Amino acid sequence: MSGTAGEEQAAYPPPVPTPRRPERPEERRWPPPTPLPTAPTEDIGRLLKQIQDRLEAIEKRLERIERVLMERRPPLP
């Protein structure tokens, strides 16, 4: 039986790998990281405070909207 297995293998040539598309240098590399802007610590603190104030104002408006919608909503039977 081993003779027939050898004959079968000889009848089928090994698979030929498909040729790879050559890569361009710009496709292989990640873009360089964008440097962070340099800002004084006081400016960053002030900016974060402004963001926090805006988020608190948005939260208050959402609470008011939620209260209005709860008042308008008919009670469930």
C-alpha atoms as a PDB file:
ATOM      1  CA  MET A   1       0.000   0.000   0.000  1.00  0.00           C
ATOM      2  CA  SER A   2       2.841   2.371   0.612  1.00  0.00           C
ATOM      3  CA  GLY A   3       3.804   2.095  -3.057  1.00  0.00           C
ATOM      4  CA  THR A   4       0.411   3.417  -4.167  1.00  0.00           C
ATOM      5  CA  ALA A   5       0.595   6.316  -1.734  1.00  0.00           C
ATOM      6  CA  GLY A   6       3.933   7.342  -3.224  1.00  0.00           C
ATOM      7  CA  GLU A   7       2.518   7.102  -6.714  1.00  0.00           C
ATOM      8  CA  GLU A   8      -0.470   9.275  -5.718  1.00  0.00           C
ATOM      9  CA  GLN A   9       1.802  11.934  -4.264  1.00  0.00           C
ATOM     10  CA  ALA A  10       3.885  11.971  -7.421  1.00  0.00           C
ATOM     11  CA  ALA A  11       0.740  12.386  -9.530  1.00  0.00           C
ATOM     12  CA  TYR A  12      -0.170  15.656  -7.750  1.00  0.00           C
ATOM     13  CA  PRO A  13       2.495  18.374  -7.804  1.00  0.00           C
ATOM     14  CA  PRO A  14       2.894  20.438  -4.623  1.00  0.00           C
ATOM     15  CA  PRO A  15       0.733  23.593  -4.564  1.00  0.00           C
ATOM     16  CA  VAL A  16       2.455  26.711  -5.823  1.00  0.00           C
ATOM     17  CA  PRO A  17       1.958  29.715  -3.534  1.00  0.00           C
ATOM     18  CA  THR A  18       0.426  32.727  -5.197  1.00  0.00           C
ATOM     19  CA  PRO A  19       2.890  35.583  -5.662  1.00  0.00           C
ATOM     20  CA  ARG A  20       2.532  38.388  -3.125  1.00  0.00           C
ATOM     21  CA  ARG A  21       1.868  41.897  -4.269  1.00  0.00           C
ATOM     22  CA  PRO A  22       4.946  44.006  -3.508  1.00  0.00           C
ATOM     23  CA  GLU A  23       4.308  46.427  -0.692  1.00  0.00           C
ATOM     24  CA  ARG A  24       4.961  50.089  -1.087  1.00  0.00           C
ATOM     25  CA  PRO A  25       7.091  51.672   1.648  1.00  0.00           C
ATOM     26  CA  GLU A  26       4.293  54.067   2.664  1.00  0.00           C
ATOM     27  CA  GLU A  27       1.850  51.149   3.162  1.00  0.00           C
ATOM     28  CA  ARG A  28       4.116  49.362   5.608  1.00  0.00           C
ATOM     29  CA  ARG A  29       4.624  52.213   8.027  1.00  0.00           C
ATOM     30  CA  TRP A  30       2.350  53.817  10.570  1.00  0.00           C
ATOM     31  CA  PRO A  31       2.073  57.581  10.281  1.00  0.00           C
ATOM     32  CA  PRO A  32       4.263  59.445  12.774  1.00  0.00           C
ATOM     33  CA  PRO A  33       2.431  60.460  15.962  1.00  0.00           C
ATOM     34  CA  THR A  34       1.146  63.981  16.133  1.00  0.00           C
ATOM     35  CA  PRO A  35       2.909  65.832  18.943  1.00  0.00           C
ATOM     36  CA  LEU A  36       0.714  67.314  21.646  1.00  0.00           C
ATOM     37  CA  PRO A  37       0.651  71.087  21.753  1.00  0.00           C
ATOM     38  CA  THR A  38       2.648  72.564  24.572  1.00  0.00           C
ATOM     39  CA  ALA A  39       0.461  74.541  26.920  1.00  0.00           C
ATOM     40  CA  PRO A  40       1.097  75.911  30.395  1.00  0.00           C
ATOM     41  CA  THR A  41      -0.411  73.964  33.280  1.00  0.00           C
ATOM     42  CA  GLU A  42      -2.638  76.916  34.230  1.00  0.00           C
ATOM     43  CA  ASP A  43      -4.213  76.925  30.755  1.00  0.00           C
ATOM     44  CA  ILE A  44      -4.914  73.202  30.931  1.00  0.00           C
ATOM     45  CA  GLY A  45      -6.495  73.584  34.370  1.00  0.00           C
ATOM     46  CA  ARG A  46      -8.653  76.463  33.136  1.00  0.00           C
ATOM     47  CA  LEU A  47      -9.695  74.501  30.064  1.00  0.00           C
ATOM     48  CA  LEU A  48     -10.660  71.461  32.146  1.00  0.00           C
ATOM     49  CA  LYS A  49     -12.691  73.711  34.475  1.00  0.00           C
ATOM     50  CA  GLN A  50     -14.572  75.152  31.469  1.00  0.00           C
ATOM     51  CA  ILE A  51     -15.320  71.645  30.194  1.00  0.00           C
ATOM     52  CA  GLN A  52     -16.556  70.592  33.623  1.00  0.00           C
ATOM     53  CA  ASP A  53     -18.818  73.672  33.876  1.00  0.00           C
ATOM     54  CA  ARG A  54     -20.293  72.979  30.434  1.00  0.00           C
ATOM     55  CA  LEU A  55     -20.953  69.343  31.313  1.00  0.00           C
ATOM     56  CA  GLU A  56     -22.685  70.361  34.545  1.00  0.00           C
ATOM     57  CA  ALA A  57     -24.885  72.823  32.630  1.00  0.00           C
ATOM     58  CA  ILE A  58     -25.799  70.096  30.126  1.00  0.00           C
ATOM     59  CA  GLU A  59     -26.606  67.719  32.979  1.00  0.00           C
ATOM     60  CA  LYS A  60     -28.944  70.300  34.583  1.00  0.00           C
ATOM     61  CA  ARG A  61     -30.743  70.850  31.273  1.00  0.00           C
ATOM     62  CA  LEU A  62     -31.179  67.107  30.808  1.00  0.00           C
ATOM     63  CA  GLU A  63     -32.614  66.776  34.319  1.00  0.00           C
ATOM     64  CA  ARG A  64     -35.137  69.541  33.538  1.00  0.00           C
ATOM     65  CA  ILE A  65     -36.118  67.844  30.275  1.00  0.00           C
ATOM     66  CA  GLU A  66     -36.498  64.527  32.074  1.00  0.00           C
ATOM     67  CA  ARG A  67     -38.768  66.147  34.712  1.00  0.00           C
ATOM     68  CA  VAL A  68     -40.962  67.730  32.015  1.00  0.00           C
ATOM     69  CA  LEU A  69     -41.270  64.436  30.161  1.00  0.00           C
ATOM     70  CA  MET A  70     -42.160  62.569  33.343  1.00  0.00           C
ATOM     71  CA  GLU A  71     -44.937  65.109  34.067  1.00  0.00           C
ATOM     72  CA  ARG A  72     -46.381  64.771  30.561  1.00  0.00           C
ATOM     73  CA  ARG A  73     -46.204  60.972  30.552  1.00  0.00           C
ATOM     74  CA  PRO A  74     -49.602  59.372  31.247  1.00  0.00           C
ATOM     75  CA  PRO A  75     -49.666  56.904  34.143  1.00  0.00           C
ATOM     76  CA  LEU A  76     -49.476  53.247  33.211  1.00  0.00           C
ATOM     77  CA  PRO A  77     -52.656  51.232  33.859  1.00  0.00           C
END
